[in-house]
Protein backbone atom coordinates (compact mmCIF):
# COMPACT_ATOMS: atom_id res chain seq x y z
CA UNK A 1 0.00 0.00 0.00
CA UNK A 2 1.30 3.44 -0.97
CA UNK A 3 0.69 6.12 1.67
CA UNK A 4 3.36 8.82 1.49
CA UNK A 5 6.94 8.97 0.29
CA UNK A 6 9.68 11.56 -0.20
CA UNK A 7 10.29 12.90 -3.69
CA UNK A 8 12.22 15.39 -5.81
CA UNK A 9 10.77 17.57 -8.56
CA UNK A 10 12.04 16.79 -12.06
CA UNK A 11 9.88 19.21 -14.05
CA UNK A 12 7.26 21.77 -12.98
CA UNK A 13 4.54 22.90 -15.40
CA UNK A 14 3.45 26.42 -14.46
CA UNK A 15 0.51 26.43 -16.88
CA UNK A 16 -1.40 23.78 -14.92
CA UNK A 17 0.64 23.62 -11.67
CA UNK A 18 1.56 19.96 -12.00
CA UNK A 19 4.97 18.32 -11.79
CA UNK A 20 6.90 15.25 -12.77
CA UNK A 21 8.42 13.83 -9.60
CA UNK A 22 11.06 11.23 -8.86
CA UNK A 23 10.47 9.08 -5.79
CA UNK A 24 13.61 9.25 -3.64
CA UNK A 25 13.83 5.60 -2.60
CA UNK A 26 14.15 2.30 -4.38
CA UNK A 27 11.42 -0.31 -4.48
CA UNK A 28 12.51 -3.58 -2.86
CA UNK A 29 11.17 -6.86 -4.22
CA UNK A 30 11.57 -10.47 -3.15
CA UNK A 31 12.43 -12.90 -5.95
CA UNK A 32 11.34 -16.51 -6.23
CA UNK A 33 14.88 -17.40 -5.15
CA UNK A 34 14.15 -15.56 -1.89
CA UNK A 35 16.56 -12.82 -2.79
CA UNK A 36 15.86 -9.13 -2.63
CA UNK A 37 16.35 -6.75 -5.53
CA UNK A 38 16.10 -2.96 -5.62
CA UNK A 39 14.52 -1.07 -8.51
CA UNK A 40 14.51 2.69 -9.00
CA UNK A 41 10.89 3.83 -9.45
CA UNK A 42 9.81 5.52 -12.65
CA UNK A 43 9.19 9.26 -12.61
CA UNK A 44 5.58 10.05 -11.70
CA UNK A 45 4.00 12.29 -14.34
CA UNK A 46 1.54 15.16 -14.01
CA UNK A 47 1.23 15.26 -10.23
CA UNK A 48 -0.83 18.19 -8.87
CA UNK A 49 1.30 20.49 -6.73
CA UNK A 50 -0.14 22.05 -3.60
CA UNK A 51 -0.39 25.86 -3.68
CA UNK A 52 -2.04 27.59 -0.66
CA UNK A 53 -5.50 28.89 -1.65
CA UNK A 54 -8.72 30.08 -0.09
CA UNK A 55 -11.63 31.73 -1.94
CA UNK A 56 -10.25 34.16 -4.53
CA UNK A 57 -6.84 34.40 -2.87
CA UNK A 58 -3.76 32.35 -3.67
CA UNK A 59 -0.09 32.23 -2.79
CA UNK A 60 2.09 31.28 -5.74
CA UNK A 61 5.81 30.66 -5.93
CA UNK A 62 8.27 29.12 -8.37
CA UNK A 63 8.85 25.38 -8.15
CA UNK A 64 12.18 24.33 -9.59
CA UNK A 65 13.78 21.05 -10.63
CA UNK A 66 15.54 19.57 -7.62
CA UNK A 67 13.04 20.90 -5.08
CA UNK A 68 12.28 18.31 -2.44
CA UNK A 69 8.68 17.35 -1.69
CA UNK A 70 6.33 14.91 -0.03
CA UNK A 71 4.18 12.65 -2.19
CA UNK A 72 0.85 11.61 -0.67
CA UNK A 73 -1.27 8.95 -2.38
CA UNK A 74 -5.05 9.25 -2.47
CA UNK A 75 -7.20 6.62 -0.83
CA UNK A 76 -9.21 6.34 -4.08
CA UNK A 77 -8.54 7.21 -7.70
CA UNK A 78 -9.04 10.90 -8.39
CA UNK A 79 -9.37 11.14 -12.20
CA UNK A 80 -12.87 12.68 -12.09
CA UNK A 81 -11.75 15.27 -9.55
CA UNK A 82 -8.40 16.20 -11.10
CA UNK A 83 -9.31 16.26 -14.78
CA UNK A 84 -13.00 17.24 -14.70
CA UNK A 85 -13.44 19.12 -11.38
CA UNK A 86 -16.28 16.75 -10.44
CA UNK A 87 -17.29 15.48 -7.01
CA UNK A 88 -18.49 12.09 -8.21
CA UNK A 89 -16.98 9.66 -10.68
CA UNK A 90 -20.26 8.11 -11.78
CA UNK A 91 -20.66 4.97 -13.86
CA UNK A 92 -19.33 3.82 -17.20
CA UNK A 93 -21.54 1.26 -18.93
CA UNK A 94 -23.42 0.78 -15.65
CA UNK A 95 -20.22 -0.04 -13.78
CA UNK A 96 -18.34 2.19 -11.33
CA UNK A 97 -15.59 4.19 -13.03
CA UNK A 98 -12.51 2.02 -13.20
CA UNK A 99 -10.25 4.49 -11.39
CA UNK A 100 -12.37 4.10 -8.26
CA UNK A 101 -10.87 0.66 -7.84
CA UNK A 102 -7.43 2.18 -7.35
CA UNK A 103 -6.45 2.59 -3.70
CA UNK A 104 -3.29 4.38 -2.53
CA UNK A 105 -1.99 4.08 -6.06
CA UNK A 106 1.00 5.95 -7.48
CA UNK A 107 -1.27 7.21 -10.24
CA UNK A 108 -3.14 9.25 -7.63
CA UNK A 109 -0.40 11.27 -5.96
CA UNK A 110 -0.34 14.79 -4.52
CA UNK A 111 2.90 16.79 -4.35
CA UNK A 112 3.52 18.99 -1.31
CA UNK A 113 6.65 21.11 -1.74
CA UNK A 114 8.46 22.77 1.15
CA UNK A 115 9.86 19.79 3.03
CA UNK A 116 13.65 20.03 3.17
CA UNK A 117 16.43 17.55 3.78
CA UNK A 118 18.74 18.41 6.68
CA UNK A 119 21.67 19.39 4.41
CA UNK A 120 19.40 21.98 2.72
CA UNK A 121 17.70 23.64 5.69
CA UNK A 122 17.89 27.40 6.29
CA UNK A 123 20.93 28.35 8.35
CA UNK A 124 19.46 31.72 9.44
CA UNK A 125 15.90 30.72 10.34
CA UNK A 126 14.00 33.38 12.31
CA UNK A 127 12.30 31.64 15.27
CA UNK A 128 10.56 34.81 16.53
CA UNK A 129 8.72 36.41 13.60
CA UNK A 130 6.68 35.45 10.54
CA UNK A 131 8.77 35.87 7.40
CA UNK A 132 8.16 35.55 3.68
CA UNK A 133 11.66 35.48 2.22
CA UNK A 134 14.06 34.06 -0.31
CA UNK A 135 16.71 31.52 0.60
CA UNK A 136 19.56 34.06 0.70
CA UNK A 137 17.53 36.38 2.97
CA UNK A 138 18.03 39.36 0.64
CA UNK A 139 14.25 39.77 0.15
CA UNK A 140 12.14 39.67 3.32
CA UNK A 141 8.65 40.62 4.43
CA UNK A 142 8.67 40.33 8.22
CA UNK A 143 5.72 40.50 10.64
CA UNK A 144 7.20 41.08 14.09
CA UNK A 145 5.73 40.16 17.44
CA UNK A 146 5.57 43.83 18.51
CA UNK A 147 3.24 44.64 15.59
CA UNK A 148 5.83 46.13 13.26
CA UNK A 149 6.03 45.09 9.62
CA UNK A 150 9.40 45.25 7.89
CA UNK A 151 10.24 45.03 4.19
CA UNK A 152 13.85 44.45 3.19
CA UNK A 153 15.45 44.04 -0.21
CA UNK A 154 18.90 44.45 -1.69
CA UNK A 155 17.50 46.09 -4.85
CA UNK A 156 14.25 48.07 -4.96
CA UNK A 157 10.57 48.19 -3.96
CA UNK A 158 7.89 49.29 -6.44
CA UNK A 159 4.30 50.17 -5.48
CA UNK A 160 1.72 50.64 -8.23
CA UNK A 161 -1.81 51.80 -7.45
CA UNK A 162 -4.34 54.47 -8.45
CA UNK A 163 -4.11 55.79 -4.90
CA UNK A 164 -1.67 55.25 -2.04
CA UNK A 165 -2.52 56.56 1.44
CA UNK A 166 -0.03 56.77 4.30
CA UNK A 167 -1.63 57.44 7.69
CA UNK A 168 0.69 58.41 10.51
CA UNK A 169 4.09 59.95 11.00
CA UNK A 170 6.31 59.16 8.01
CA UNK A 171 10.10 59.21 8.11
CA UNK A 172 12.17 59.05 4.92
CA UNK A 173 15.89 58.43 5.29
CA UNK A 174 17.74 59.15 2.07
CA UNK A 175 17.20 61.10 -1.15
CA UNK A 176 13.60 61.36 -2.38
CA UNK A 177 12.54 62.11 -5.95
CA UNK A 178 9.01 63.27 -6.83
CA UNK A 179 8.30 63.22 -10.57
CA UNK A 180 4.84 64.75 -10.46
CA UNK A 181 2.72 67.27 -8.57
CA UNK A 182 3.08 67.41 -4.77
CA UNK A 183 -0.02 68.71 -2.96
CA UNK A 184 0.44 69.63 0.73
CA UNK A 185 -2.78 70.53 2.57
CA UNK A 186 -1.45 71.23 6.08
CA UNK A 187 1.51 72.80 7.84
CA UNK A 188 4.83 71.36 6.73
CA UNK A 189 8.06 71.69 8.70
CA UNK A 190 11.42 71.53 6.95
CA UNK A 191 14.71 71.27 8.82
CA UNK A 192 17.67 71.94 6.57
CA UNK A 193 18.09 73.46 3.15
CA UNK A 194 15.63 73.35 0.26
CA UNK A 195 17.00 73.24 -3.27
CA UNK A 196 14.32 73.94 -5.89
CA UNK A 197 14.87 73.73 -9.65
CA UNK A 198 12.03 75.25 -11.67
CA UNK A 199 9.09 77.44 -10.71
CA UNK A 200 7.41 77.43 -7.31
CA UNK A 201 3.83 78.60 -6.70
CA UNK A 202 2.14 79.31 -3.38
CA UNK A 203 -0.93 81.21 -2.15
CA UNK A 204 0.77 82.26 1.06
CA UNK A 205 4.39 82.22 2.20
CA UNK A 206 5.99 83.07 5.52
CA UNK A 207 9.75 83.50 5.76
CA UNK A 208 11.50 83.89 9.12
CA UNK A 209 8.26 84.95 10.79
CA UNK A 210 7.37 87.54 8.13
CA UNK A 211 4.39 87.23 5.79
CA UNK A 212 5.76 87.48 2.24
CA UNK A 213 2.61 89.09 0.76
CA UNK A 214 2.43 92.00 3.24
CA UNK A 215 6.06 92.49 4.30
CA UNK A 216 7.84 95.87 3.98
CA UNK A 217 11.46 96.89 3.66
CA UNK A 218 13.28 99.71 5.45
CA UNK A 219 15.69 102.16 3.78
CA UNK A 220 13.78 102.31 0.52
CA UNK A 221 14.99 104.90 -2.01
CA UNK A 222 14.71 105.28 -5.73
CA UNK A 223 17.46 104.41 -8.18
CA UNK A 224 19.93 101.58 -7.93
CA UNK A 225 20.33 101.61 -4.13
CA UNK A 226 19.79 98.54 -1.97
CA UNK A 227 16.88 98.41 0.47
CA UNK A 228 17.24 97.63 4.11
CA UNK A 229 16.01 94.55 5.92
CA UNK A 230 12.42 93.41 6.32
CA UNK A 231 10.42 95.52 8.78
C-alpha atoms as a PDB file:
ATOM      1  CA  UNK A   1       0.000   0.000   0.000  1.00  0.00           C
ATOM      2  CA  UNK A   2       1.305   3.444  -0.970  1.00  0.00           C
ATOM      3  CA  UNK A   3       0.687   6.125   1.674  1.00  0.00           C
ATOM      4  CA  UNK A   4       3.360   8.820   1.491  1.00  0.00           C
ATOM      5  CA  UNK A   5       6.937   8.972   0.291  1.00  0.00           C
ATOM      6  CA  UNK A   6       9.679  11.555  -0.197  1.00  0.00           C
ATOM      7  CA  UNK A   7      10.291  12.901  -3.693  1.00  0.00           C
ATOM      8  CA  UNK A   8      12.216  15.394  -5.813  1.00  0.00           C
ATOM      9  CA  UNK A   9      10.768  17.574  -8.562  1.00  0.00           C
ATOM     10  CA  UNK A  10      12.039  16.786 -12.055  1.00  0.00           C
ATOM     11  CA  UNK A  11       9.877  19.210 -14.047  1.00  0.00           C
ATOM     12  CA  UNK A  12       7.262  21.766 -12.984  1.00  0.00           C
ATOM     13  CA  UNK A  13       4.540  22.901 -15.395  1.00  0.00           C
ATOM     14  CA  UNK A  14       3.446  26.419 -14.463  1.00  0.00           C
ATOM     15  CA  UNK A  15       0.510  26.434 -16.881  1.00  0.00           C
ATOM     16  CA  UNK A  16      -1.402  23.776 -14.916  1.00  0.00           C
ATOM     17  CA  UNK A  17       0.643  23.619 -11.674  1.00  0.00           C
ATOM     18  CA  UNK A  18       1.564  19.962 -12.001  1.00  0.00           C
ATOM     19  CA  UNK A  19       4.968  18.319 -11.794  1.00  0.00           C
ATOM     20  CA  UNK A  20       6.901  15.254 -12.768  1.00  0.00           C
ATOM     21  CA  UNK A  21       8.415  13.832  -9.595  1.00  0.00           C
ATOM     22  CA  UNK A  22      11.062  11.230  -8.858  1.00  0.00           C
ATOM     23  CA  UNK A  23      10.473   9.076  -5.788  1.00  0.00           C
ATOM     24  CA  UNK A  24      13.613   9.251  -3.642  1.00  0.00           C
ATOM     25  CA  UNK A  25      13.832   5.601  -2.596  1.00  0.00           C
ATOM     26  CA  UNK A  26      14.146   2.297  -4.381  1.00  0.00           C
ATOM     27  CA  UNK A  27      11.421  -0.306  -4.476  1.00  0.00           C
ATOM     28  CA  UNK A  28      12.515  -3.576  -2.862  1.00  0.00           C
ATOM     29  CA  UNK A  29      11.169  -6.864  -4.224  1.00  0.00           C
ATOM     30  CA  UNK A  30      11.566 -10.474  -3.154  1.00  0.00           C
ATOM     31  CA  UNK A  31      12.434 -12.896  -5.951  1.00  0.00           C
ATOM     32  CA  UNK A  32      11.344 -16.509  -6.233  1.00  0.00           C
ATOM     33  CA  UNK A  33      14.880 -17.402  -5.147  1.00  0.00           C
ATOM     34  CA  UNK A  34      14.146 -15.558  -1.893  1.00  0.00           C
ATOM     35  CA  UNK A  35      16.561 -12.818  -2.791  1.00  0.00           C
ATOM     36  CA  UNK A  36      15.859  -9.133  -2.625  1.00  0.00           C
ATOM     37  CA  UNK A  37      16.346  -6.754  -5.532  1.00  0.00           C
ATOM     38  CA  UNK A  38      16.105  -2.955  -5.623  1.00  0.00           C
ATOM     39  CA  UNK A  39      14.516  -1.068  -8.511  1.00  0.00           C
ATOM     40  CA  UNK A  40      14.510   2.686  -9.002  1.00  0.00           C
ATOM     41  CA  UNK A  41      10.888   3.830  -9.452  1.00  0.00           C
ATOM     42  CA  UNK A  42       9.808   5.521 -12.654  1.00  0.00           C
ATOM     43  CA  UNK A  43       9.190   9.265 -12.608  1.00  0.00           C
ATOM     44  CA  UNK A  44       5.578  10.051 -11.701  1.00  0.00           C
ATOM     45  CA  UNK A  45       3.999  12.286 -14.340  1.00  0.00           C
ATOM     46  CA  UNK A  46       1.537  15.164 -14.009  1.00  0.00           C
ATOM     47  CA  UNK A  47       1.232  15.255 -10.229  1.00  0.00           C
ATOM     48  CA  UNK A  48      -0.830  18.191  -8.871  1.00  0.00           C
ATOM     49  CA  UNK A  49       1.299  20.494  -6.730  1.00  0.00           C
ATOM     50  CA  UNK A  50      -0.144  22.052  -3.601  1.00  0.00           C
ATOM     51  CA  UNK A  51      -0.390  25.856  -3.680  1.00  0.00           C
ATOM     52  CA  UNK A  52      -2.037  27.594  -0.658  1.00  0.00           C
ATOM     53  CA  UNK A  53      -5.496  28.889  -1.650  1.00  0.00           C
ATOM     54  CA  UNK A  54      -8.723  30.083  -0.091  1.00  0.00           C
ATOM     55  CA  UNK A  55     -11.633  31.732  -1.937  1.00  0.00           C
ATOM     56  CA  UNK A  56     -10.255  34.161  -4.532  1.00  0.00           C
ATOM     57  CA  UNK A  57      -6.842  34.403  -2.872  1.00  0.00           C
ATOM     58  CA  UNK A  58      -3.763  32.352  -3.668  1.00  0.00           C
ATOM     59  CA  UNK A  59      -0.091  32.228  -2.785  1.00  0.00           C
ATOM     60  CA  UNK A  60       2.090  31.284  -5.741  1.00  0.00           C
ATOM     61  CA  UNK A  61       5.810  30.657  -5.928  1.00  0.00           C
ATOM     62  CA  UNK A  62       8.267  29.118  -8.370  1.00  0.00           C
ATOM     63  CA  UNK A  63       8.847  25.381  -8.149  1.00  0.00           C
ATOM     64  CA  UNK A  64      12.181  24.329  -9.591  1.00  0.00           C
ATOM     65  CA  UNK A  65      13.779  21.045 -10.628  1.00  0.00           C
ATOM     66  CA  UNK A  66      15.538  19.572  -7.619  1.00  0.00           C
ATOM     67  CA  UNK A  67      13.041  20.896  -5.077  1.00  0.00           C
ATOM     68  CA  UNK A  68      12.275  18.306  -2.438  1.00  0.00           C
ATOM     69  CA  UNK A  69       8.681  17.355  -1.689  1.00  0.00           C
ATOM     70  CA  UNK A  70       6.326  14.906  -0.027  1.00  0.00           C
ATOM     71  CA  UNK A  71       4.178  12.648  -2.193  1.00  0.00           C
ATOM     72  CA  UNK A  72       0.853  11.613  -0.671  1.00  0.00           C
ATOM     73  CA  UNK A  73      -1.266   8.951  -2.381  1.00  0.00           C
ATOM     74  CA  UNK A  74      -5.050   9.254  -2.472  1.00  0.00           C
ATOM     75  CA  UNK A  75      -7.204   6.623  -0.834  1.00  0.00           C
ATOM     76  CA  UNK A  76      -9.209   6.336  -4.075  1.00  0.00           C
ATOM     77  CA  UNK A  77      -8.544   7.215  -7.705  1.00  0.00           C
ATOM     78  CA  UNK A  78      -9.038  10.903  -8.393  1.00  0.00           C
ATOM     79  CA  UNK A  79      -9.372  11.142 -12.195  1.00  0.00           C
ATOM     80  CA  UNK A  80     -12.875  12.684 -12.086  1.00  0.00           C
ATOM     81  CA  UNK A  81     -11.747  15.267  -9.549  1.00  0.00           C
ATOM     82  CA  UNK A  82      -8.402  16.197 -11.097  1.00  0.00           C
ATOM     83  CA  UNK A  83      -9.312  16.262 -14.775  1.00  0.00           C
ATOM     84  CA  UNK A  84     -13.004  17.238 -14.703  1.00  0.00           C
ATOM     85  CA  UNK A  85     -13.438  19.118 -11.382  1.00  0.00           C
ATOM     86  CA  UNK A  86     -16.278  16.746 -10.440  1.00  0.00           C
ATOM     87  CA  UNK A  87     -17.288  15.483  -7.010  1.00  0.00           C
ATOM     88  CA  UNK A  88     -18.489  12.089  -8.209  1.00  0.00           C
ATOM     89  CA  UNK A  89     -16.984   9.661 -10.681  1.00  0.00           C
ATOM     90  CA  UNK A  90     -20.261   8.110 -11.784  1.00  0.00           C
ATOM     91  CA  UNK A  91     -20.661   4.965 -13.856  1.00  0.00           C
ATOM     92  CA  UNK A  92     -19.327   3.824 -17.203  1.00  0.00           C
ATOM     93  CA  UNK A  93     -21.541   1.263 -18.927  1.00  0.00           C
ATOM     94  CA  UNK A  94     -23.423   0.779 -15.645  1.00  0.00           C
ATOM     95  CA  UNK A  95     -20.216  -0.044 -13.784  1.00  0.00           C
ATOM     96  CA  UNK A  96     -18.338   2.191 -11.328  1.00  0.00           C
ATOM     97  CA  UNK A  97     -15.592   4.186 -13.033  1.00  0.00           C
ATOM     98  CA  UNK A  98     -12.507   2.016 -13.198  1.00  0.00           C
ATOM     99  CA  UNK A  99     -10.245   4.493 -11.392  1.00  0.00           C
ATOM    100  CA  UNK A 100     -12.374   4.101  -8.256  1.00  0.00           C
ATOM    101  CA  UNK A 101     -10.873   0.659  -7.835  1.00  0.00           C
ATOM    102  CA  UNK A 102      -7.427   2.185  -7.345  1.00  0.00           C
ATOM    103  CA  UNK A 103      -6.449   2.591  -3.701  1.00  0.00           C
ATOM    104  CA  UNK A 104      -3.287   4.385  -2.532  1.00  0.00           C
ATOM    105  CA  UNK A 105      -1.986   4.080  -6.063  1.00  0.00           C
ATOM    106  CA  UNK A 106       1.003   5.954  -7.484  1.00  0.00           C
ATOM    107  CA  UNK A 107      -1.270   7.212 -10.243  1.00  0.00           C
ATOM    108  CA  UNK A 108      -3.138   9.249  -7.630  1.00  0.00           C
ATOM    109  CA  UNK A 109      -0.400  11.271  -5.964  1.00  0.00           C
ATOM    110  CA  UNK A 110      -0.338  14.790  -4.523  1.00  0.00           C
ATOM    111  CA  UNK A 111       2.902  16.786  -4.354  1.00  0.00           C
ATOM    112  CA  UNK A 112       3.524  18.993  -1.305  1.00  0.00           C
ATOM    113  CA  UNK A 113       6.647  21.107  -1.745  1.00  0.00           C
ATOM    114  CA  UNK A 114       8.463  22.770   1.146  1.00  0.00           C
ATOM    115  CA  UNK A 115       9.856  19.793   3.032  1.00  0.00           C
ATOM    116  CA  UNK A 116      13.653  20.026   3.173  1.00  0.00           C
ATOM    117  CA  UNK A 117      16.435  17.546   3.782  1.00  0.00           C
ATOM    118  CA  UNK A 118      18.741  18.410   6.676  1.00  0.00           C
ATOM    119  CA  UNK A 119      21.674  19.386   4.412  1.00  0.00           C
ATOM    120  CA  UNK A 120      19.402  21.977   2.724  1.00  0.00           C
ATOM    121  CA  UNK A 121      17.700  23.639   5.692  1.00  0.00           C
ATOM    122  CA  UNK A 122      17.892  27.401   6.293  1.00  0.00           C
ATOM    123  CA  UNK A 123      20.933  28.346   8.351  1.00  0.00           C
ATOM    124  CA  UNK A 124      19.459  31.723   9.439  1.00  0.00           C
ATOM    125  CA  UNK A 125      15.903  30.719  10.341  1.00  0.00           C
ATOM    126  CA  UNK A 126      14.004  33.381  12.310  1.00  0.00           C
ATOM    127  CA  UNK A 127      12.298  31.638  15.273  1.00  0.00           C
ATOM    128  CA  UNK A 128      10.557  34.807  16.529  1.00  0.00           C
ATOM    129  CA  UNK A 129       8.718  36.408  13.604  1.00  0.00           C
ATOM    130  CA  UNK A 130       6.683  35.453  10.538  1.00  0.00           C
ATOM    131  CA  UNK A 131       8.767  35.866   7.395  1.00  0.00           C
ATOM    132  CA  UNK A 132       8.161  35.552   3.677  1.00  0.00           C
ATOM    133  CA  UNK A 133      11.656  35.483   2.222  1.00  0.00           C
ATOM    134  CA  UNK A 134      14.058  34.057  -0.314  1.00  0.00           C
ATOM    135  CA  UNK A 135      16.712  31.522   0.603  1.00  0.00           C
ATOM    136  CA  UNK A 136      19.556  34.057   0.705  1.00  0.00           C
ATOM    137  CA  UNK A 137      17.527  36.377   2.971  1.00  0.00           C
ATOM    138  CA  UNK A 138      18.028  39.359   0.638  1.00  0.00           C
ATOM    139  CA  UNK A 139      14.253  39.773   0.153  1.00  0.00           C
ATOM    140  CA  UNK A 140      12.138  39.670   3.315  1.00  0.00           C
ATOM    141  CA  UNK A 141       8.646  40.616   4.431  1.00  0.00           C
ATOM    142  CA  UNK A 142       8.666  40.329   8.216  1.00  0.00           C
ATOM    143  CA  UNK A 143       5.723  40.496  10.640  1.00  0.00           C
ATOM    144  CA  UNK A 144       7.199  41.082  14.088  1.00  0.00           C
ATOM    145  CA  UNK A 145       5.734  40.160  17.442  1.00  0.00           C
ATOM    146  CA  UNK A 146       5.571  43.829  18.508  1.00  0.00           C
ATOM    147  CA  UNK A 147       3.243  44.635  15.593  1.00  0.00           C
ATOM    148  CA  UNK A 148       5.834  46.131  13.262  1.00  0.00           C
ATOM    149  CA  UNK A 149       6.033  45.089   9.616  1.00  0.00           C
ATOM    150  CA  UNK A 150       9.403  45.245   7.887  1.00  0.00           C
ATOM    151  CA  UNK A 151      10.243  45.025   4.186  1.00  0.00           C
ATOM    152  CA  UNK A 152      13.849  44.454   3.195  1.00  0.00           C
ATOM    153  CA  UNK A 153      15.449  44.035  -0.210  1.00  0.00           C
ATOM    154  CA  UNK A 154      18.904  44.451  -1.692  1.00  0.00           C
ATOM    155  CA  UNK A 155      17.502  46.089  -4.852  1.00  0.00           C
ATOM    156  CA  UNK A 156      14.247  48.074  -4.963  1.00  0.00           C
ATOM    157  CA  UNK A 157      10.571  48.187  -3.960  1.00  0.00           C
ATOM    158  CA  UNK A 158       7.894  49.286  -6.440  1.00  0.00           C
ATOM    159  CA  UNK A 159       4.299  50.173  -5.480  1.00  0.00           C
ATOM    160  CA  UNK A 160       1.718  50.640  -8.230  1.00  0.00           C
ATOM    161  CA  UNK A 161      -1.808  51.795  -7.446  1.00  0.00           C
ATOM    162  CA  UNK A 162      -4.337  54.465  -8.448  1.00  0.00           C
ATOM    163  CA  UNK A 163      -4.112  55.795  -4.904  1.00  0.00           C
ATOM    164  CA  UNK A 164      -1.670  55.248  -2.037  1.00  0.00           C
ATOM    165  CA  UNK A 165      -2.516  56.564   1.439  1.00  0.00           C
ATOM    166  CA  UNK A 166      -0.033  56.773   4.301  1.00  0.00           C
ATOM    167  CA  UNK A 167      -1.629  57.438   7.694  1.00  0.00           C
ATOM    168  CA  UNK A 168       0.695  58.410  10.511  1.00  0.00           C
ATOM    169  CA  UNK A 169       4.093  59.947  10.996  1.00  0.00           C
ATOM    170  CA  UNK A 170       6.312  59.161   8.007  1.00  0.00           C
ATOM    171  CA  UNK A 171      10.100  59.206   8.105  1.00  0.00           C
ATOM    172  CA  UNK A 172      12.170  59.047   4.922  1.00  0.00           C
ATOM    173  CA  UNK A 173      15.893  58.432   5.287  1.00  0.00           C
ATOM    174  CA  UNK A 174      17.743  59.151   2.069  1.00  0.00           C
ATOM    175  CA  UNK A 175      17.203  61.104  -1.146  1.00  0.00           C
ATOM    176  CA  UNK A 176      13.600  61.356  -2.377  1.00  0.00           C
ATOM    177  CA  UNK A 177      12.539  62.114  -5.947  1.00  0.00           C
ATOM    178  CA  UNK A 178       9.006  63.271  -6.825  1.00  0.00           C
ATOM    179  CA  UNK A 179       8.304  63.222 -10.568  1.00  0.00           C
ATOM    180  CA  UNK A 180       4.835  64.755 -10.462  1.00  0.00           C
ATOM    181  CA  UNK A 181       2.715  67.266  -8.569  1.00  0.00           C
ATOM    182  CA  UNK A 182       3.081  67.410  -4.771  1.00  0.00           C
ATOM    183  CA  UNK A 183      -0.018  68.706  -2.957  1.00  0.00           C
ATOM    184  CA  UNK A 184       0.443  69.629   0.728  1.00  0.00           C
ATOM    185  CA  UNK A 185      -2.776  70.528   2.574  1.00  0.00           C
ATOM    186  CA  UNK A 186      -1.449  71.229   6.076  1.00  0.00           C
ATOM    187  CA  UNK A 187       1.515  72.800   7.840  1.00  0.00           C
ATOM    188  CA  UNK A 188       4.833  71.356   6.727  1.00  0.00           C
ATOM    189  CA  UNK A 189       8.058  71.686   8.700  1.00  0.00           C
ATOM    190  CA  UNK A 190      11.417  71.527   6.955  1.00  0.00           C
ATOM    191  CA  UNK A 191      14.713  71.270   8.821  1.00  0.00           C
ATOM    192  CA  UNK A 192      17.673  71.944   6.568  1.00  0.00           C
ATOM    193  CA  UNK A 193      18.092  73.464   3.148  1.00  0.00           C
ATOM    194  CA  UNK A 194      15.630  73.348   0.262  1.00  0.00           C
ATOM    195  CA  UNK A 195      16.996  73.238  -3.275  1.00  0.00           C
ATOM    196  CA  UNK A 196      14.318  73.945  -5.894  1.00  0.00           C
ATOM    197  CA  UNK A 197      14.871  73.728  -9.652  1.00  0.00           C
ATOM    198  CA  UNK A 198      12.026  75.254 -11.666  1.00  0.00           C
ATOM    199  CA  UNK A 199       9.088  77.445 -10.714  1.00  0.00           C
ATOM    200  CA  UNK A 200       7.412  77.433  -7.309  1.00  0.00           C
ATOM    201  CA  UNK A 201       3.829  78.597  -6.704  1.00  0.00           C
ATOM    202  CA  UNK A 202       2.139  79.311  -3.377  1.00  0.00           C
ATOM    203  CA  UNK A 203      -0.935  81.214  -2.154  1.00  0.00           C
ATOM    204  CA  UNK A 204       0.775  82.258   1.061  1.00  0.00           C
ATOM    205  CA  UNK A 205       4.390  82.216   2.200  1.00  0.00           C
ATOM    206  CA  UNK A 206       5.990  83.069   5.523  1.00  0.00           C
ATOM    207  CA  UNK A 207       9.754  83.501   5.762  1.00  0.00           C
ATOM    208  CA  UNK A 208      11.496  83.890   9.124  1.00  0.00           C
ATOM    209  CA  UNK A 209       8.264  84.948  10.789  1.00  0.00           C
ATOM    210  CA  UNK A 210       7.372  87.539   8.134  1.00  0.00           C
ATOM    211  CA  UNK A 211       4.389  87.230   5.791  1.00  0.00           C
ATOM    212  CA  UNK A 212       5.764  87.477   2.241  1.00  0.00           C
ATOM    213  CA  UNK A 213       2.614  89.094   0.757  1.00  0.00           C
ATOM    214  CA  UNK A 214       2.429  91.997   3.242  1.00  0.00           C
ATOM    215  CA  UNK A 215       6.059  92.488   4.299  1.00  0.00           C
ATOM    216  CA  UNK A 216       7.842  95.866   3.984  1.00  0.00           C
ATOM    217  CA  UNK A 217      11.462  96.890   3.662  1.00  0.00           C
ATOM    218  CA  UNK A 218      13.283  99.713   5.453  1.00  0.00           C
ATOM    219  CA  UNK A 219      15.687 102.157   3.775  1.00  0.00           C
ATOM    220  CA  UNK A 220      13.780 102.311   0.521  1.00  0.00           C
ATOM    221  CA  UNK A 221      14.994 104.902  -2.008  1.00  0.00           C
ATOM    222  CA  UNK A 222      14.710 105.283  -5.733  1.00  0.00           C
ATOM    223  CA  UNK A 223      17.456 104.414  -8.180  1.00  0.00           C
ATOM    224  CA  UNK A 224      19.928 101.581  -7.926  1.00  0.00           C
ATOM    225  CA  UNK A 225      20.334 101.606  -4.131  1.00  0.00           C
ATOM    226  CA  UNK A 226      19.789  98.542  -1.971  1.00  0.00           C
ATOM    227  CA  UNK A 227      16.883  98.407   0.466  1.00  0.00           C
ATOM    228  CA  UNK A 228      17.243  97.631   4.114  1.00  0.00           C
ATOM    229  CA  UNK A 229      16.014  94.547   5.922  1.00  0.00           C
ATOM    230  CA  UNK A 230      12.418  93.412   6.319  1.00  0.00           C
ATOM    231  CA  UNK A 231      10.420  95.521   8.780  1.00  0.00           C
END
